Amino acid sequence: PRRPSGGGLRRAPQDGRLEEINKEFLCDPKFSNEKDLEEKLAVFKEKYMEFDLNNQGEIDLMSVKRMMEKLGAPKTHLELKKMISEVTGGVSDTISYQDFVNVMLGKRSAVLKLVMMFEGKANESNPKPSGPPPERDIASLP
């Protein structure tokens, strides 16, 4: 008998852990005024699991790199480290789910939060041009 592909069985424990963390946020009085909190947390959980490539409950440098490339905004190694440092407050090289949700719900304008908020809009409004780039002359260069 073949096992279903897609990592469903491997993801189940992680899904449960993230759901527990979501329950903590739902019970936290600090977020009681947040509109549609339950729906937001469900979206955050799905996004987090999508980019947690090793299923360890953390987004590492390579996962952030992949995310940025997927969004069409590749970053240098140094820029990626700075993004992670901003999210974690400089205490970790990986982004935990708690850090991720705090950034997404927080008032700070972290780079990651901005990227995640505009992911869908950027993909819709900026279709990638097809074909060779137009010819340029010296005057058109920056």
N, C-alpha and C. Protein backbone atom coordinates (compact mmCIF):
# COMPACT_ATOMS: atom_id res chain seq x y z
N PRO A 1 0.83 -1.20 0.00
CA PRO A 1 0.00 0.00 0.00
C PRO A 1 0.86 1.25 0.00
N ARG A 2 0.46 2.21 -0.82
CA ARG A 2 1.22 3.46 -0.93
C ARG A 2 0.74 4.46 0.10
N ARG A 3 1.68 5.25 0.57
CA ARG A 3 1.33 6.33 1.52
C ARG A 3 0.97 7.57 0.71
N PRO A 4 0.03 8.36 1.20
CA PRO A 4 -0.29 9.61 0.49
C PRO A 4 0.89 10.56 0.53
N SER A 5 1.11 11.26 -0.57
CA SER A 5 2.22 12.21 -0.60
C SER A 5 1.76 13.56 -0.07
N GLY A 6 2.71 14.47 0.09
CA GLY A 6 2.36 15.82 0.54
C GLY A 6 2.70 16.09 1.99
N GLY A 7 3.19 15.08 2.71
CA GLY A 7 3.63 15.32 4.07
C GLY A 7 2.50 15.49 5.08
N GLY A 8 1.30 15.04 4.76
CA GLY A 8 0.16 15.20 5.66
C GLY A 8 0.39 14.59 7.02
N LEU A 9 0.97 13.38 7.05
CA LEU A 9 1.20 12.71 8.33
C LEU A 9 2.29 13.41 9.13
N ARG A 10 3.32 13.91 8.43
CA ARG A 10 4.39 14.62 9.14
C ARG A 10 3.90 15.96 9.67
N ARG A 11 2.98 16.60 8.99
CA ARG A 11 2.51 17.93 9.37
C ARG A 11 1.51 17.89 10.53
N ALA A 12 0.89 16.75 10.77
CA ALA A 12 -0.15 16.68 11.80
C ALA A 12 0.34 17.13 13.19
N PRO A 13 1.49 16.65 13.68
CA PRO A 13 1.94 17.12 15.00
C PRO A 13 2.21 18.62 15.02
N GLN A 14 2.81 19.14 13.95
CA GLN A 14 3.08 20.57 13.89
C GLN A 14 1.78 21.35 13.87
N ASP A 15 0.81 20.90 13.12
CA ASP A 15 -0.49 21.57 13.06
C ASP A 15 -1.10 21.66 14.46
N GLY A 16 -0.99 20.58 15.22
CA GLY A 16 -1.50 20.58 16.58
C GLY A 16 -0.78 21.56 17.49
N ARG A 17 0.57 21.62 17.36
CA ARG A 17 1.35 22.55 18.18
C ARG A 17 0.97 24.00 17.85
N LEU A 18 0.85 24.30 16.56
CA LEU A 18 0.51 25.67 16.16
C LEU A 18 -0.90 26.02 16.59
N GLU A 19 -1.79 25.05 16.56
CA GLU A 19 -3.17 25.29 17.01
C GLU A 19 -3.20 25.62 18.49
N GLU A 20 -2.37 24.95 19.28
CA GLU A 20 -2.28 25.25 20.72
C GLU A 20 -1.79 26.68 20.94
N ILE A 21 -0.80 27.09 20.16
CA ILE A 21 -0.28 28.46 20.27
C ILE A 21 -1.37 29.45 19.88
N ASN A 22 -2.14 29.13 18.83
CA ASN A 22 -3.25 30.00 18.43
C ASN A 22 -4.25 30.17 19.56
N LYS A 23 -4.53 29.09 20.30
CA LYS A 23 -5.47 29.16 21.43
C LYS A 23 -4.94 30.11 22.51
N GLU A 24 -3.61 30.09 22.71
CA GLU A 24 -3.01 31.00 23.69
C GLU A 24 -3.23 32.46 23.26
N PHE A 25 -3.06 32.73 21.97
CA PHE A 25 -3.28 34.09 21.48
C PHE A 25 -4.76 34.49 21.62
N LEU A 26 -5.66 33.54 21.38
CA LEU A 26 -7.10 33.83 21.50
C LEU A 26 -7.46 34.17 22.95
N CYS A 27 -6.78 33.56 23.90
CA CYS A 27 -7.06 33.80 25.32
C CYS A 27 -6.29 34.99 25.90
N ASP A 28 -5.33 35.52 25.14
CA ASP A 28 -4.47 36.60 25.63
C ASP A 28 -5.24 37.92 25.61
N PRO A 29 -5.41 38.56 26.78
CA PRO A 29 -6.16 39.82 26.84
C PRO A 29 -5.52 40.94 25.99
N LYS A 30 -4.24 40.83 25.73
CA LYS A 30 -3.54 41.82 24.94
C LYS A 30 -4.11 41.91 23.51
N PHE A 31 -4.68 40.79 23.03
CA PHE A 31 -5.21 40.74 21.67
C PHE A 31 -6.74 40.68 21.63
N SER A 32 -7.40 40.96 22.76
CA SER A 32 -8.86 40.83 22.83
C SER A 32 -9.59 41.82 21.92
N ASN A 33 -8.96 42.95 21.58
CA ASN A 33 -9.60 43.93 20.71
C ASN A 33 -9.32 43.70 19.23
N GLU A 34 -8.53 42.70 18.93
CA GLU A 34 -8.17 42.41 17.54
C GLU A 34 -9.38 41.84 16.79
N LYS A 35 -9.74 42.48 15.68
CA LYS A 35 -10.90 42.02 14.89
C LYS A 35 -10.55 40.75 14.14
N ASP A 36 -11.49 39.82 14.07
CA ASP A 36 -11.34 38.56 13.32
C ASP A 36 -10.07 37.80 13.69
N LEU A 37 -9.75 37.79 14.97
CA LEU A 37 -8.50 37.18 15.42
C LEU A 37 -8.42 35.70 15.03
N GLU A 38 -9.51 34.97 15.22
CA GLU A 38 -9.47 33.54 14.93
C GLU A 38 -9.18 33.27 13.45
N GLU A 39 -9.80 34.06 12.57
CA GLU A 39 -9.56 33.89 11.14
C GLU A 39 -8.13 34.27 10.78
N LYS A 40 -7.63 35.36 11.36
CA LYS A 40 -6.26 35.79 11.09
C LYS A 40 -5.27 34.71 11.53
N LEU A 41 -5.50 34.15 12.71
CA LEU A 41 -4.58 33.12 13.21
C LEU A 41 -4.58 31.89 12.30
N ALA A 42 -5.73 31.54 11.76
CA ALA A 42 -5.81 30.40 10.85
C ALA A 42 -4.97 30.66 9.59
N VAL A 43 -5.05 31.88 9.08
CA VAL A 43 -4.26 32.25 7.89
C VAL A 43 -2.77 32.25 8.24
N PHE A 44 -2.42 32.82 9.39
CA PHE A 44 -1.02 32.87 9.81
C PHE A 44 -0.46 31.45 9.93
N LYS A 45 -1.26 30.55 10.50
CA LYS A 45 -0.80 29.17 10.70
C LYS A 45 -0.51 28.52 9.34
N GLU A 46 -1.40 28.69 8.38
CA GLU A 46 -1.19 28.11 7.05
C GLU A 46 0.06 28.68 6.39
N LYS A 47 0.24 30.00 6.47
CA LYS A 47 1.41 30.64 5.87
C LYS A 47 2.69 30.14 6.55
N TYR A 48 2.65 30.05 7.87
CA TYR A 48 3.83 29.62 8.61
C TYR A 48 4.21 28.19 8.21
N MET A 49 3.22 27.31 8.15
CA MET A 49 3.50 25.92 7.79
C MET A 49 4.02 25.82 6.36
N GLU A 50 3.56 26.69 5.50
CA GLU A 50 4.02 26.68 4.11
C GLU A 50 5.52 26.97 4.02
N PHE A 51 6.01 27.85 4.89
CA PHE A 51 7.41 28.24 4.82
C PHE A 51 8.30 27.55 5.85
N ASP A 52 7.75 26.74 6.73
CA ASP A 52 8.55 25.96 7.67
C ASP A 52 8.95 24.68 6.94
N LEU A 53 10.01 24.78 6.14
CA LEU A 53 10.40 23.69 5.24
C LEU A 53 10.83 22.43 5.97
N ASN A 54 11.40 22.56 7.16
CA ASN A 54 11.89 21.37 7.86
C ASN A 54 10.89 20.82 8.88
N ASN A 55 9.70 21.41 8.96
CA ASN A 55 8.65 20.95 9.90
C ASN A 55 9.13 20.92 11.34
N GLN A 56 10.03 21.81 11.70
CA GLN A 56 10.56 21.85 13.06
C GLN A 56 9.94 22.95 13.91
N GLY A 57 8.99 23.69 13.35
CA GLY A 57 8.36 24.77 14.11
C GLY A 57 9.19 26.03 14.11
N GLU A 58 10.01 26.22 13.07
CA GLU A 58 10.82 27.42 12.96
C GLU A 58 11.08 27.71 11.49
N ILE A 59 11.14 28.99 11.16
CA ILE A 59 11.47 29.39 9.80
C ILE A 59 12.92 29.85 9.82
N ASP A 60 13.77 29.14 9.08
CA ASP A 60 15.19 29.47 9.07
C ASP A 60 15.53 30.36 7.88
N LEU A 61 16.80 30.67 7.76
CA LEU A 61 17.28 31.57 6.72
C LEU A 61 16.89 31.09 5.32
N MET A 62 17.07 29.81 5.05
CA MET A 62 16.75 29.28 3.72
C MET A 62 15.24 29.34 3.44
N SER A 63 14.43 29.17 4.47
CA SER A 63 12.98 29.27 4.30
C SER A 63 12.56 30.70 3.98
N VAL A 64 13.17 31.68 4.66
CA VAL A 64 12.87 33.09 4.37
C VAL A 64 13.35 33.42 2.96
N LYS A 65 14.51 32.88 2.58
CA LYS A 65 15.04 33.09 1.23
C LYS A 65 14.05 32.57 0.19
N ARG A 66 13.55 31.37 0.41
CA ARG A 66 12.59 30.77 -0.52
C ARG A 66 11.32 31.62 -0.59
N MET A 67 10.85 32.08 0.57
CA MET A 67 9.63 32.88 0.61
C MET A 67 9.81 34.16 -0.20
N MET A 68 10.92 34.84 0.00
CA MET A 68 11.16 36.10 -0.71
C MET A 68 11.29 35.87 -2.21
N GLU A 69 11.93 34.77 -2.60
CA GLU A 69 12.04 34.46 -4.02
C GLU A 69 10.68 34.16 -4.62
N LYS A 70 9.86 33.44 -3.86
CA LYS A 70 8.51 33.12 -4.33
C LYS A 70 7.68 34.40 -4.51
N LEU A 71 7.93 35.39 -3.67
CA LEU A 71 7.21 36.65 -3.76
C LEU A 71 7.77 37.56 -4.85
N GLY A 72 8.84 37.10 -5.50
CA GLY A 72 9.44 37.91 -6.55
C GLY A 72 10.30 39.04 -6.01
N ALA A 73 10.76 38.91 -4.76
CA ALA A 73 11.60 39.94 -4.15
C ALA A 73 12.81 39.28 -3.49
N PRO A 74 13.69 38.66 -4.29
CA PRO A 74 14.85 37.99 -3.70
C PRO A 74 15.71 38.97 -2.91
N LYS A 75 16.28 38.48 -1.83
CA LYS A 75 17.11 39.31 -0.95
C LYS A 75 18.49 38.67 -0.81
N THR A 76 19.46 39.51 -0.45
CA THR A 76 20.80 39.00 -0.18
C THR A 76 20.80 38.29 1.18
N HIS A 77 21.86 37.55 1.42
CA HIS A 77 22.02 36.84 2.69
C HIS A 77 21.96 37.83 3.86
N LEU A 78 22.63 38.95 3.71
CA LEU A 78 22.66 39.96 4.77
C LEU A 78 21.28 40.56 5.01
N GLU A 79 20.54 40.83 3.94
CA GLU A 79 19.17 41.37 4.09
C GLU A 79 18.26 40.37 4.79
N LEU A 80 18.43 39.08 4.47
CA LEU A 80 17.61 38.05 5.10
C LEU A 80 17.93 37.96 6.60
N LYS A 81 19.21 38.02 6.93
CA LYS A 81 19.60 37.98 8.35
C LYS A 81 19.00 39.17 9.10
N LYS A 82 19.00 40.33 8.46
CA LYS A 82 18.44 41.53 9.09
C LYS A 82 16.94 41.36 9.32
N MET A 83 16.24 40.78 8.34
CA MET A 83 14.80 40.55 8.49
C MET A 83 14.52 39.64 9.69
N ILE A 84 15.27 38.54 9.77
CA ILE A 84 15.07 37.60 10.87
C ILE A 84 15.40 38.26 12.20
N SER A 85 16.46 39.03 12.24
CA SER A 85 16.85 39.72 13.46
C SER A 85 15.76 40.70 13.90
N GLU A 86 15.15 41.40 12.93
CA GLU A 86 14.08 42.35 13.27
C GLU A 86 12.88 41.63 13.88
N VAL A 87 12.56 40.47 13.33
CA VAL A 87 11.40 39.71 13.82
C VAL A 87 11.66 39.14 15.21
N THR A 88 12.88 38.61 15.41
CA THR A 88 13.18 37.92 16.68
C THR A 88 13.78 38.83 17.73
N GLY A 89 14.01 40.07 17.40
CA GLY A 89 14.65 40.98 18.34
C GLY A 89 16.13 40.69 18.50
N GLY A 90 16.70 39.95 17.54
CA GLY A 90 18.13 39.66 17.56
C GLY A 90 18.53 38.50 18.45
N VAL A 91 17.58 37.76 19.00
CA VAL A 91 17.93 36.69 19.93
C VAL A 91 17.98 35.31 19.29
N SER A 92 17.58 35.20 18.00
CA SER A 92 17.55 33.89 17.36
C SER A 92 17.84 34.01 15.87
N ASP A 93 18.33 32.91 15.29
CA ASP A 93 18.58 32.85 13.86
C ASP A 93 17.38 32.27 13.11
N THR A 94 16.35 31.87 13.84
CA THR A 94 15.14 31.33 13.23
C THR A 94 13.92 32.03 13.80
N ILE A 95 12.84 32.02 13.04
CA ILE A 95 11.60 32.68 13.45
C ILE A 95 10.64 31.63 13.99
N SER A 96 10.30 31.74 15.26
CA SER A 96 9.33 30.82 15.86
C SER A 96 7.93 31.27 15.48
N TYR A 97 6.96 30.39 15.68
CA TYR A 97 5.58 30.75 15.36
C TYR A 97 5.09 31.90 16.25
N GLN A 98 5.49 31.90 17.53
CA GLN A 98 5.11 32.99 18.42
C GLN A 98 5.65 34.33 17.90
N ASP A 99 6.91 34.35 17.49
CA ASP A 99 7.49 35.58 16.93
C ASP A 99 6.72 36.01 15.68
N PHE A 100 6.43 35.05 14.84
CA PHE A 100 5.72 35.30 13.59
C PHE A 100 4.37 35.95 13.86
N VAL A 101 3.58 35.36 14.76
CA VAL A 101 2.24 35.89 15.05
C VAL A 101 2.36 37.26 15.73
N ASN A 102 3.30 37.41 16.65
CA ASN A 102 3.48 38.71 17.31
C ASN A 102 3.78 39.81 16.30
N VAL A 103 4.60 39.50 15.31
CA VAL A 103 4.91 40.49 14.28
C VAL A 103 3.67 40.79 13.45
N MET A 104 2.95 39.75 13.07
CA MET A 104 1.79 39.94 12.20
C MET A 104 0.67 40.70 12.92
N LEU A 105 0.53 40.51 14.22
CA LEU A 105 -0.52 41.19 14.98
C LEU A 105 -0.02 42.50 15.60
N GLY A 106 1.28 42.65 15.70
CA GLY A 106 1.85 43.81 16.38
C GLY A 106 1.75 45.08 15.57
N LYS A 107 2.12 46.16 16.21
CA LYS A 107 2.04 47.48 15.58
C LYS A 107 3.33 47.84 14.86
N ARG A 108 4.41 47.06 15.12
CA ARG A 108 5.67 47.34 14.43
C ARG A 108 5.55 47.05 12.95
N SER A 109 6.22 47.82 12.14
CA SER A 109 6.15 47.60 10.70
C SER A 109 7.36 46.78 10.26
N ALA A 110 7.40 45.55 10.64
CA ALA A 110 8.50 44.67 10.27
C ALA A 110 8.43 44.37 8.78
N VAL A 111 9.59 44.16 8.20
CA VAL A 111 9.67 43.87 6.77
C VAL A 111 8.85 42.64 6.44
N LEU A 112 8.98 41.59 7.25
CA LEU A 112 8.26 40.35 6.98
C LEU A 112 6.75 40.59 6.97
N LYS A 113 6.26 41.38 7.92
CA LYS A 113 4.83 41.67 7.99
C LYS A 113 4.37 42.35 6.71
N LEU A 114 5.12 43.33 6.26
CA LEU A 114 4.75 44.04 5.04
C LEU A 114 4.74 43.10 3.84
N VAL A 115 5.75 42.25 3.77
CA VAL A 115 5.83 41.30 2.67
C VAL A 115 4.62 40.37 2.66
N MET A 116 4.29 39.83 3.84
CA MET A 116 3.18 38.88 3.93
C MET A 116 1.84 39.56 3.61
N MET A 117 1.67 40.81 4.05
CA MET A 117 0.41 41.51 3.82
C MET A 117 0.19 41.77 2.34
N PHE A 118 1.25 42.06 1.62
CA PHE A 118 1.10 42.42 0.22
C PHE A 118 1.41 41.29 -0.74
N GLU A 119 1.60 40.09 -0.23
CA GLU A 119 1.96 38.96 -1.09
C GLU A 119 0.95 38.77 -2.22
N GLY A 120 -0.30 38.67 -1.88
CA GLY A 120 -1.33 38.43 -2.88
C GLY A 120 -1.47 39.59 -3.83
N LYS A 121 -1.47 40.80 -3.32
CA LYS A 121 -1.64 41.99 -4.15
C LYS A 121 -0.51 42.14 -5.15
N ALA A 122 0.70 41.88 -4.71
CA ALA A 122 1.86 42.02 -5.60
C ALA A 122 1.78 41.02 -6.74
N ASN A 123 1.37 39.81 -6.44
CA ASN A 123 1.30 38.79 -7.47
C ASN A 123 0.21 39.09 -8.49
N GLU A 124 -0.88 39.73 -8.05
CA GLU A 124 -1.99 40.04 -8.95
C GLU A 124 -1.67 41.24 -9.83
N SER A 125 -1.11 42.29 -9.25
CA SER A 125 -0.96 43.54 -9.98
C SER A 125 0.34 43.66 -10.77
N ASN A 126 1.29 42.80 -10.53
CA ASN A 126 2.57 42.88 -11.24
C ASN A 126 2.86 41.58 -11.98
N PRO A 127 2.13 41.31 -13.06
CA PRO A 127 2.44 40.08 -13.79
C PRO A 127 3.83 40.18 -14.40
N LYS A 128 4.54 39.08 -14.40
CA LYS A 128 5.90 39.08 -14.94
C LYS A 128 5.82 39.23 -16.45
N PRO A 129 6.63 40.15 -17.01
CA PRO A 129 6.62 40.31 -18.47
C PRO A 129 7.19 39.06 -19.13
N SER A 130 6.67 38.75 -20.30
CA SER A 130 7.18 37.59 -21.01
C SER A 130 7.98 38.08 -22.21
N GLY A 131 8.84 37.23 -22.68
CA GLY A 131 9.64 37.58 -23.83
C GLY A 131 10.91 38.31 -23.43
N PRO A 132 11.70 38.66 -24.43
CA PRO A 132 12.96 39.35 -24.13
C PRO A 132 12.70 40.77 -23.66
N PRO A 133 13.61 41.33 -22.87
CA PRO A 133 13.44 42.71 -22.41
C PRO A 133 13.57 43.67 -23.58
N PRO A 134 12.95 44.84 -23.47
CA PRO A 134 13.05 45.80 -24.57
C PRO A 134 14.49 46.31 -24.71
N GLU A 135 14.83 46.72 -25.92
CA GLU A 135 16.17 47.24 -26.15
C GLU A 135 16.32 48.58 -25.45
N ARG A 136 17.54 48.84 -24.94
CA ARG A 136 17.79 50.08 -24.22
C ARG A 136 18.98 50.78 -24.86
N ASP A 137 18.96 52.09 -24.75
CA ASP A 137 20.13 52.83 -25.21
C ASP A 137 20.77 53.54 -24.01
N ILE A 138 21.85 54.21 -24.21
CA ILE A 138 22.58 54.85 -23.12
C ILE A 138 21.70 55.84 -22.35
N ALA A 139 20.85 56.58 -23.03
CA ALA A 139 20.01 57.60 -22.40
C ALA A 139 18.99 57.00 -21.43
N SER A 140 18.59 55.76 -21.66
CA SER A 140 17.55 55.17 -20.81
C SER A 140 18.13 54.51 -19.56
N LEU A 141 19.43 54.44 -19.45
CA LEU A 141 20.05 53.82 -18.27
C LEU A 141 19.94 54.75 -17.06
N PRO A 142 19.82 54.18 -15.87
CA PRO A 142 19.71 55.03 -14.67
C PRO A 142 21.00 55.74 -14.34
